[in-house]
Amino acid sequence: MIKTAFFDTKEYDKASFQKYEKTGDLEFKFFETKLTEDTAELAKGCDVVCVFVNDSVNAAVIDKLYGYGVKMIALRCAGYNNVDLEHAYGKIHAAHVPAYSPYAVAEHTAALLLTSIRRIHKAYNRTRDFNFSLNGLTGFDLHGKTVGVIGTGKIGKIFIGICHGFGMNVIAYDAYPAKDSDITYVSLDELFERSDIISLHCPLTGDTKHMINADTIGKMKKGVVILNTSRGALIDAEALLEGIKARKIGAACLDVYEEEADIFFEDRSGHILNDELLSRLISMPNVIVTSHQAFLTEEALNNIAETTVNNIRSYFDNDGICDNELCYRCGNIENCKKARKERCF
């Protein structure tokens, strides 16, 4: 029996995972609390911890889990910036879900864009009060506009396809451009200078943190629309707010926020929000914030559960070898196993 402790669990997580307990080789414990140094003790007696984007899997947490005999960190998400993989190396194996539904995230990005530029959210609120005035609802056509896509992995490519469907001109930047593709790659500076709309689909690394900052915003067109459904820390939120106040940024659509860990995924409607920066962003008429829900479709939840369970079984059935393992050893964190076909440690 493989015992797994789930942290930061919501009802939709339970629904998608519980059906796998019926197979008999898995036992799940679901905890609503996030994984931290203080809550790691809940994993005692478990072989695996299953974590999400806002769980903290730093060095101190890893040491505690290792001491409790935990053998594997199973991320039920694609991003892994919240896991200290360097410290985990040699102690605990980690695996992620590299692709659950890239369509879900790409389509949500498009939905945010359309909602923003056609003022759909404002029209919805007006008509509920029987206000059918069109004043202040003028938008603009997507057709013929230039969109700059940063990150051309699966999600980025699907979003590019959606943009082509609207008749948009697409330029892109990626540190590792896709080979044999018809994507028009440009430098970051050129992308910032030419784009009417900028959409972020890259991972959060030391190089990409705050890639949208005061300097890069200064290079952008006046009225640029910025979309982020990737990781909050790709954007310096203070610089974003200043760009909005200066009328440099025409609109911002954010499904993620750098300091979201203690805010998102919970009902805060009865509380005073202590994050003044987020409060000010939400108060702006040209800002739309959703609560990290871009992934949230039935298809994505089913794929996340299936891949996570397969990762766990693969590790325990194949002597520690898992196709989706994240390993710090050779520097190629996501793909080293495919090259060696052996245990990382």
Protein backbone atom coordinates (compact mmCIF):
# COMPACT_ATOMS: atom_id res chain seq x y z
CA MET A 1 0.00 0.00 0.00
CA ILE A 2 1.41 3.37 -1.08
CA LYS A 3 0.35 6.09 1.35
CA THR A 4 0.12 9.67 0.06
CA ALA A 5 -0.49 12.89 2.01
CA PHE A 6 -2.23 15.58 -0.05
CA PHE A 7 -1.71 19.20 1.03
CA ASP A 8 -3.69 22.33 0.13
CA THR A 9 -6.59 20.10 -0.90
CA LYS A 10 -9.90 21.38 -2.23
CA GLU A 11 -13.10 19.45 -2.95
CA TYR A 12 -12.34 19.31 -6.68
CA ASP A 13 -8.98 17.67 -5.87
CA LYS A 14 -10.64 14.98 -3.78
CA ALA A 15 -13.24 14.23 -6.43
CA SER A 16 -10.65 13.67 -9.14
CA PHE A 17 -8.27 11.55 -7.01
CA GLN A 18 -10.54 9.44 -4.81
CA LYS A 19 -11.59 7.11 -7.61
CA TYR A 20 -7.98 5.82 -7.76
CA GLU A 21 -8.15 4.61 -4.14
CA LYS A 22 -10.59 1.91 -5.23
CA THR A 23 -7.77 0.11 -7.06
CA GLY A 24 -6.44 -1.11 -3.71
CA ASP A 25 -2.75 -0.18 -3.91
CA LEU A 26 -3.15 3.48 -2.92
CA GLU A 27 -4.19 5.20 0.28
CA PHE A 28 -4.77 8.97 0.35
CA LYS A 29 -4.89 11.41 3.25
CA PHE A 30 -6.29 14.82 2.33
CA PHE A 31 -5.33 17.94 4.28
CA GLU A 32 -6.74 21.40 3.64
CA THR A 33 -3.66 23.08 5.11
CA LYS A 34 -0.70 24.02 2.94
CA LEU A 35 2.59 22.19 3.32
CA THR A 36 4.99 24.24 5.44
CA GLU A 37 7.69 23.51 7.98
CA ASP A 38 4.99 23.56 10.66
CA THR A 39 2.59 21.18 8.88
CA ALA A 40 5.13 18.71 7.43
CA GLU A 41 4.55 16.47 10.46
CA LEU A 42 1.19 15.49 8.97
CA ALA A 43 3.12 13.42 6.41
CA LYS A 44 4.50 11.04 9.06
CA GLY A 45 3.91 7.46 8.00
CA CYS A 46 3.39 8.40 4.35
CA ASP A 47 5.50 7.40 1.36
CA VAL A 48 4.54 10.39 -0.80
CA VAL A 49 3.47 14.00 -0.36
CA CYS A 50 1.30 15.49 -3.11
CA VAL A 51 1.61 19.28 -3.36
CA PHE A 52 0.25 22.19 -5.37
CA VAL A 53 1.61 25.55 -6.49
CA ASN A 54 1.45 27.39 -3.16
CA ASP A 55 2.82 24.66 -0.92
CA SER A 56 6.28 25.46 0.43
CA VAL A 57 8.78 22.69 -0.25
CA ASN A 58 11.95 24.47 0.85
CA ALA A 59 15.09 22.97 2.37
CA ALA A 60 13.69 22.85 5.90
CA VAL A 61 10.51 21.12 4.74
CA ILE A 62 12.48 18.63 2.64
CA ASP A 63 14.69 17.74 5.59
CA LYS A 64 11.63 17.09 7.75
CA LEU A 65 9.95 14.96 5.08
CA TYR A 66 13.16 13.01 4.54
CA GLY A 67 13.38 12.39 8.28
CA TYR A 68 9.82 11.06 8.28
CA GLY A 69 10.70 8.57 5.55
CA VAL A 70 8.88 10.30 2.67
CA LYS A 71 10.36 9.02 -0.59
CA MET A 72 8.63 11.14 -3.21
CA ILE A 73 7.22 14.62 -3.80
CA ALA A 74 4.41 14.39 -6.37
CA LEU A 75 3.45 17.79 -7.73
CA ARG A 76 -0.06 17.95 -9.16
CA CYS A 77 0.95 20.88 -11.36
CA ALA A 78 3.51 21.73 -14.03
CA GLY A 79 5.46 24.46 -12.22
CA TYR A 80 8.04 23.54 -9.59
CA ASN A 81 9.55 26.87 -8.52
CA ASN A 82 8.21 26.23 -4.99
CA VAL A 83 10.42 23.12 -4.60
CA ASP A 84 14.11 23.34 -3.69
CA LEU A 85 15.19 20.65 -6.15
CA GLU A 86 18.87 21.20 -5.45
CA HIS A 87 18.35 20.41 -1.77
CA ALA A 88 16.01 17.51 -2.58
CA TYR A 89 18.66 15.82 -4.73
CA GLY A 90 19.98 12.72 -3.01
CA LYS A 91 17.11 12.70 -0.48
CA ILE A 92 13.65 12.74 -2.04
CA HIS A 93 12.59 12.21 -5.64
CA ALA A 94 10.20 14.73 -7.22
CA ALA A 95 7.90 14.48 -10.23
CA HIS A 96 5.44 16.87 -11.83
CA VAL A 97 2.59 16.96 -14.35
CA PRO A 98 4.21 18.54 -17.42
CA ALA A 99 0.97 18.83 -19.40
CA TYR A 100 -2.53 18.44 -18.02
CA SER A 101 -4.61 20.55 -20.40
CA PRO A 102 -2.66 23.22 -22.22
CA TYR A 103 -5.94 24.08 -23.94
CA ALA A 104 -7.49 25.05 -20.60
CA VAL A 105 -4.82 27.65 -19.84
CA ALA A 106 -4.56 28.97 -23.40
CA GLU A 107 -8.33 29.29 -23.71
CA HIS A 108 -8.57 31.09 -20.36
CA THR A 109 -5.91 33.52 -21.55
CA ALA A 110 -7.98 34.26 -24.65
CA ALA A 111 -11.11 34.62 -22.51
CA LEU A 112 -9.38 37.19 -20.30
CA LEU A 113 -8.18 39.11 -23.34
CA LEU A 114 -11.62 39.24 -24.95
CA THR A 115 -13.32 40.11 -21.67
CA SER A 116 -10.93 42.99 -21.14
CA ILE A 117 -10.81 44.61 -24.56
CA ARG A 118 -14.57 44.26 -25.22
CA ARG A 119 -15.46 45.35 -21.68
CA ILE A 120 -17.65 42.29 -21.19
CA HIS A 121 -17.25 42.32 -17.41
CA LYS A 122 -18.43 45.93 -17.27
CA ALA A 123 -21.38 45.27 -19.57
CA TYR A 124 -22.42 42.27 -17.46
CA ASN A 125 -22.46 44.36 -14.28
CA ARG A 126 -24.39 47.17 -16.00
CA THR A 127 -27.15 45.07 -17.47
CA ARG A 128 -27.80 43.39 -14.13
CA ASP A 129 -28.82 46.87 -12.99
CA PHE A 130 -30.82 47.35 -16.22
CA ASN A 131 -28.26 49.88 -17.44
CA PHE A 132 -27.99 49.40 -21.19
CA SER A 133 -25.82 52.40 -21.97
CA LEU A 134 -22.85 51.79 -24.29
CA ASN A 135 -20.82 54.73 -22.98
CA GLY A 136 -17.32 53.64 -21.98
CA LEU A 137 -17.62 50.18 -23.53
CA THR A 138 -15.72 50.84 -26.76
CA GLY A 139 -13.09 48.17 -27.41
CA PHE A 140 -10.83 47.33 -30.32
CA ASP A 141 -10.48 44.60 -32.95
CA LEU A 142 -7.99 41.81 -32.39
CA HIS A 143 -7.68 41.30 -36.15
CA GLY A 144 -4.45 42.82 -37.41
CA LYS A 145 -3.00 43.48 -33.96
CA THR A 146 0.44 42.18 -33.00
CA VAL A 147 0.64 39.82 -30.04
CA GLY A 148 3.96 38.95 -28.44
CA VAL A 149 4.04 35.49 -26.86
CA ILE A 150 6.80 34.83 -24.33
CA GLY A 151 7.27 31.09 -23.99
CA THR A 152 6.39 28.69 -26.80
CA GLY A 153 5.84 25.43 -24.99
CA LYS A 154 2.56 23.57 -25.37
CA ILE A 155 0.42 26.32 -23.84
CA GLY A 156 2.17 29.08 -25.75
CA LYS A 157 1.78 27.26 -29.05
CA ILE A 158 -1.93 26.67 -28.51
CA PHE A 159 -2.42 30.33 -27.61
CA ILE A 160 -0.55 31.26 -30.80
CA GLY A 161 -3.00 29.11 -32.76
CA ILE A 162 -5.94 30.90 -31.15
CA CYS A 163 -4.39 34.26 -32.04
CA HIS A 164 -3.91 33.20 -35.65
CA GLY A 165 -7.60 32.29 -35.69
CA PHE A 166 -8.41 35.92 -34.88
CA GLY A 167 -6.18 37.10 -37.71
CA MET A 168 -3.51 38.50 -35.42
CA ASN A 169 0.17 38.93 -36.21
CA VAL A 170 2.20 36.76 -33.83
CA ILE A 171 5.80 37.25 -32.74
CA ALA A 172 7.42 35.23 -30.00
CA TYR A 173 10.40 34.87 -27.71
CA ASP A 174 11.72 31.72 -26.10
CA ALA A 175 15.15 31.00 -24.64
CA TYR A 176 14.89 27.64 -26.43
CA PRO A 177 13.02 28.26 -29.70
CA ALA A 178 10.94 25.40 -31.09
CA LYS A 179 12.75 23.69 -33.94
CA ASP A 180 11.13 23.24 -37.34
CA SER A 181 8.24 25.55 -36.50
CA ASP A 182 6.72 28.45 -38.40
CA ILE A 183 6.81 30.68 -35.31
CA THR A 184 8.38 34.10 -35.89
CA TYR A 185 10.94 34.51 -33.13
CA VAL A 186 12.35 37.92 -32.17
CA SER A 187 14.46 39.28 -29.33
CA LEU A 188 12.74 40.25 -26.09
CA ASP A 189 13.41 43.93 -26.72
CA GLU A 190 11.85 43.74 -30.18
CA LEU A 191 8.84 41.89 -28.76
CA PHE A 192 8.34 44.57 -26.12
CA GLU A 193 8.63 47.35 -28.69
CA ARG A 194 6.31 45.89 -31.36
CA SER A 195 3.54 44.15 -29.41
CA ASP A 196 0.05 45.53 -28.88
CA ILE A 197 -0.60 42.58 -26.55
CA ILE A 198 1.95 40.59 -24.54
CA SER A 199 1.12 37.15 -23.14
CA LEU A 200 3.35 35.26 -20.69
CA HIS A 201 3.63 31.47 -20.98
CA CYS A 202 7.13 30.79 -19.68
CA PRO A 203 8.27 29.10 -16.44
CA LEU A 204 9.48 31.08 -13.44
CA THR A 205 13.25 30.87 -13.11
CA GLY A 206 16.01 33.12 -11.84
CA ASP A 207 16.27 34.57 -15.34
CA THR A 208 12.54 35.20 -15.84
CA LYS A 209 11.63 36.59 -12.41
CA HIS A 210 10.28 40.14 -12.83
CA MET A 211 10.93 40.06 -16.57
CA ILE A 212 8.09 42.57 -16.73
CA ASN A 213 9.55 45.47 -14.76
CA ALA A 214 9.91 49.25 -14.92
CA ASP A 215 12.64 49.04 -17.58
CA THR A 216 10.84 46.60 -19.87
CA ILE A 217 7.52 48.42 -19.47
CA GLY A 218 9.33 51.54 -20.62
CA LYS A 219 10.12 49.80 -23.92
CA MET A 220 6.49 48.86 -24.60
CA LYS A 221 3.88 50.60 -26.72
CA LYS A 222 1.54 53.01 -25.00
CA GLY A 223 -1.71 51.16 -24.31
CA VAL A 224 -0.18 47.66 -24.33
CA VAL A 225 -2.30 44.83 -22.89
CA ILE A 226 -0.42 42.40 -20.62
CA LEU A 227 -1.70 38.85 -19.96
CA ASN A 228 -0.25 36.51 -17.33
CA THR A 229 -1.61 33.00 -16.79
CA SER A 230 1.79 31.51 -15.95
CA ARG A 231 3.49 32.56 -12.69
CA GLY A 232 2.88 35.73 -10.73
CA ALA A 233 6.52 36.58 -10.11
CA LEU A 234 7.15 37.01 -13.83
CA ILE A 235 5.74 40.51 -13.25
CA ASP A 236 6.97 43.14 -10.81
CA ALA A 237 3.50 44.08 -9.56
CA GLU A 238 4.60 47.48 -8.25
CA ALA A 239 6.04 48.38 -11.65
CA LEU A 240 2.85 47.11 -13.29
CA LEU A 241 0.72 49.36 -11.10
CA GLU A 242 2.92 52.37 -11.85
CA GLY A 243 2.66 51.60 -15.57
CA ILE A 244 -1.13 51.50 -15.32
CA LYS A 245 -1.28 54.77 -13.37
CA ALA A 246 0.98 56.42 -15.95
CA ARG A 247 -1.41 55.27 -18.74
CA LYS A 248 1.45 53.33 -20.34
CA ILE A 249 -0.30 49.99 -19.83
CA GLY A 250 -3.76 49.91 -21.35
CA ALA A 251 -4.95 46.80 -19.52
CA ALA A 252 -3.69 43.90 -17.45
CA CYS A 253 -5.27 40.46 -17.12
CA LEU A 254 -3.81 38.39 -14.30
CA ASP A 255 -4.67 34.84 -13.29
CA VAL A 256 -1.61 34.74 -11.02
CA TYR A 257 0.02 37.09 -8.52
CA GLU A 258 3.45 37.00 -6.92
CA GLU A 259 2.16 37.05 -3.33
CA GLU A 260 -0.89 34.86 -3.94
CA ALA A 261 0.07 32.01 -1.63
CA ASP A 262 -1.92 33.23 1.40
CA ILE A 263 -4.75 34.76 -0.64
CA PHE A 264 -5.79 32.73 -3.68
CA PHE A 265 -7.92 29.56 -3.54
CA GLU A 266 -9.74 30.83 -0.42
CA ASP A 267 -12.89 32.87 0.23
CA ARG A 268 -11.64 36.22 1.55
CA SER A 269 -14.90 38.09 0.94
CA GLY A 270 -15.58 38.60 4.65
CA HIS A 271 -12.11 39.87 5.45
CA ILE A 272 -10.06 43.01 4.96
CA LEU A 273 -7.39 42.25 2.37
CA ASN A 274 -4.02 43.14 3.87
CA ASP A 275 -2.23 43.11 0.52
CA GLU A 276 -2.51 46.77 -0.43
CA LEU A 277 -0.83 46.28 -3.79
CA LEU A 278 -3.30 43.61 -4.91
CA SER A 279 -6.19 45.72 -3.61
CA ARG A 280 -5.03 48.67 -5.69
CA LEU A 281 -4.59 46.52 -8.80
CA ILE A 282 -8.09 45.06 -8.45
CA SER A 283 -9.49 48.56 -8.00
CA MET A 284 -8.16 49.67 -11.38
CA PRO A 285 -10.87 49.75 -14.08
CA ASN A 286 -8.56 48.21 -16.68
CA VAL A 287 -7.35 45.28 -14.58
CA ILE A 288 -8.97 41.83 -14.43
CA VAL A 289 -7.81 39.37 -11.77
CA THR A 290 -8.92 35.75 -11.64
CA SER A 291 -7.86 33.42 -8.83
CA HIS A 292 -5.39 31.06 -10.54
CA GLN A 293 -8.25 29.25 -12.26
CA ALA A 294 -6.86 28.97 -15.79
CA PHE A 295 -6.20 25.25 -15.28
CA LEU A 296 -9.62 24.54 -13.80
CA THR A 297 -11.52 22.41 -16.29
CA GLU A 298 -12.91 18.91 -15.87
CA GLU A 299 -10.49 17.62 -18.50
CA ALA A 300 -7.50 19.19 -16.77
CA LEU A 301 -8.45 17.89 -13.32
CA ASN A 302 -8.85 14.37 -14.69
CA ASN A 303 -5.51 14.57 -16.51
CA ILE A 304 -3.75 15.94 -13.42
CA ALA A 305 -5.05 13.11 -11.26
CA GLU A 306 -4.23 10.43 -13.82
CA THR A 307 -0.69 11.66 -14.45
CA THR A 308 0.03 12.21 -10.75
CA VAL A 309 -1.13 8.70 -9.88
CA ASN A 310 0.87 7.25 -12.77
CA ASN A 311 3.95 9.14 -11.56
CA ILE A 312 3.56 7.66 -8.09
CA ARG A 313 3.02 4.13 -9.35
CA SER A 314 5.85 4.44 -11.86
CA TYR A 315 8.31 5.43 -9.16
CA PHE A 316 7.40 2.55 -6.86
CA ASP A 317 6.96 -0.07 -9.61
CA ASN A 318 10.08 0.79 -11.62
CA ASP A 319 12.78 1.04 -8.98
CA GLY A 320 12.57 4.81 -8.71
CA ILE A 321 12.44 5.59 -12.42
CA CYS A 322 9.72 8.02 -13.44
CA ASP A 323 9.41 9.73 -16.83
CA ASN A 324 8.23 12.98 -15.26
CA GLU A 325 10.92 13.17 -12.60
CA LEU A 326 12.49 16.54 -11.81
CA CYS A 327 16.18 16.07 -11.16
CA TYR A 328 18.84 18.64 -10.32
CA ARG A 329 21.78 16.35 -11.09
CA CYS A 330 22.64 17.20 -14.70
CA GLY A 331 21.08 20.64 -14.94
CA ASN A 332 18.43 19.57 -17.44
CA ILE A 333 15.77 19.38 -14.77
CA GLU A 334 12.83 18.07 -16.78
CA ASN A 335 14.50 15.92 -19.41
CA CYS A 336 17.56 14.22 -17.93
CA LYS A 337 15.77 10.92 -17.28
CA LYS A 338 14.82 10.56 -20.93
CA ALA A 339 18.48 10.69 -21.87
CA ARG A 340 19.82 8.26 -19.23
CA LYS A 341 16.93 5.91 -18.46
CA GLU A 342 18.31 5.32 -14.99
CA ARG A 343 17.76 6.54 -11.45
CA CYS A 344 18.95 10.03 -10.67
CA PHE A 345 20.16 8.81 -7.25
